[in-house]
Amino acid sequence: MDKQKLAPHESVDLHEIINFKTLCLAKSKLMQGLVFDQDLKNLMQKDVEQTIKDLSDLQTIYERAPFEAPVPESRPTPIIN
């Protein structure tokens, strides 16, 4: 059976979710250095590990995005003045 492609709006939504999760991952990793409570640090590490797994799952879905737009041979001339 053929893989179903995502609709354009689903692809954009998924792209936004991946960007958001990536930002959250970076923030959690950076904040771990500022936290002194070991329980909170462990919770943040668990969040980092779960987010990495989630991003991996989302990326496999993202491969079904229909982004196959042709690249134009010539580019528009920039407007100056």
Protein backbone atom coordinates (compact mmCIF):
# COMPACT_ATOMS: atom_id res chain seq x y z
CA MET A 1 0.00 0.00 0.00
CA ASP A 2 1.26 3.48 -0.84
CA LYS A 3 2.32 5.80 1.93
CA GLN A 4 -0.17 8.58 2.40
CA LYS A 5 1.17 12.06 1.86
CA LEU A 6 0.43 14.82 4.32
CA ALA A 7 -1.76 17.70 3.25
CA PRO A 8 0.10 21.03 2.88
CA HIS A 9 -1.46 22.49 6.04
CA GLU A 10 -0.58 19.33 7.99
CA SER A 11 3.00 19.59 6.79
CA VAL A 12 3.26 23.21 7.93
CA ASP A 13 1.71 22.37 11.31
CA LEU A 14 4.10 19.47 11.76
CA HIS A 15 7.03 21.70 10.81
CA GLU A 16 5.98 24.20 13.49
CA ILE A 17 5.66 21.43 16.09
CA ILE A 18 9.14 20.13 15.26
CA ASN A 19 10.59 23.64 15.55
CA PHE A 20 8.85 24.17 18.90
CA LYS A 21 9.99 20.80 20.30
CA THR A 22 13.56 21.52 19.15
CA LEU A 23 13.51 24.87 20.93
CA CYS A 24 12.14 23.24 24.10
CA LEU A 25 14.87 20.61 23.92
CA ALA A 26 17.59 23.24 23.67
CA LYS A 27 16.11 25.19 26.56
CA SER A 28 15.85 22.10 28.78
CA LYS A 29 19.45 21.15 28.06
CA LEU A 30 20.72 24.66 28.77
CA MET A 31 18.69 25.06 31.95
CA GLN A 32 20.06 21.84 33.42
CA GLY A 33 23.32 23.65 34.07
CA LEU A 34 21.52 26.25 36.17
CA VAL A 35 19.55 23.82 38.34
CA PHE A 36 20.99 22.60 41.64
CA ASP A 37 18.09 20.42 42.84
CA GLN A 38 18.88 16.84 41.77
CA ASP A 39 15.22 15.80 41.51
CA LEU A 40 14.48 18.69 39.17
CA LYS A 41 17.64 17.95 37.18
CA ASN A 42 16.55 14.30 36.80
CA LEU A 43 13.10 15.41 35.67
CA MET A 44 14.63 17.76 33.11
CA GLN A 45 16.90 14.96 31.85
CA LYS A 46 13.88 12.70 31.47
CA ASP A 47 12.19 15.48 29.49
CA VAL A 48 15.25 15.77 27.23
CA GLU A 49 15.27 12.03 26.55
CA GLN A 50 11.53 11.96 25.85
CA THR A 51 11.75 14.98 23.55
CA ILE A 52 14.56 13.37 21.55
CA LYS A 53 12.38 10.27 21.08
CA ASP A 54 9.38 12.43 20.14
CA LEU A 55 11.42 14.37 17.59
CA SER A 56 12.60 11.14 16.03
CA ASP A 57 9.00 9.96 15.71
CA LEU A 58 7.88 13.30 14.27
CA GLN A 59 10.68 13.29 11.71
CA THR A 60 9.54 9.93 10.35
CA ILE A 61 6.08 11.41 9.83
CA TYR A 62 7.60 14.55 8.30
CA GLU A 63 9.12 12.44 5.53
CA ARG A 64 5.60 12.14 4.09
CA ALA A 65 5.37 15.91 3.56
CA PRO A 66 4.67 16.85 -0.06
CA PHE A 67 7.49 19.35 -0.45
CA GLU A 68 8.57 18.74 -3.99
CA ALA A 69 8.42 22.18 -5.53
CA PRO A 70 10.54 22.74 -8.64
CA VAL A 71 13.44 25.14 -8.27
CA PRO A 72 13.27 27.89 -10.91
CA GLU A 73 16.18 28.09 -13.33
CA SER A 74 16.38 31.87 -13.22
CA ARG A 75 15.95 34.07 -10.21
CA PRO A 76 14.22 37.44 -10.22
CA THR A 77 16.37 40.52 -10.51
CA PRO A 78 16.53 42.39 -7.19
CA ILE A 79 14.99 45.83 -7.16
CA ILE A 80 17.52 48.48 -6.26
CA ASN A 81 16.62 52.15 -5.69
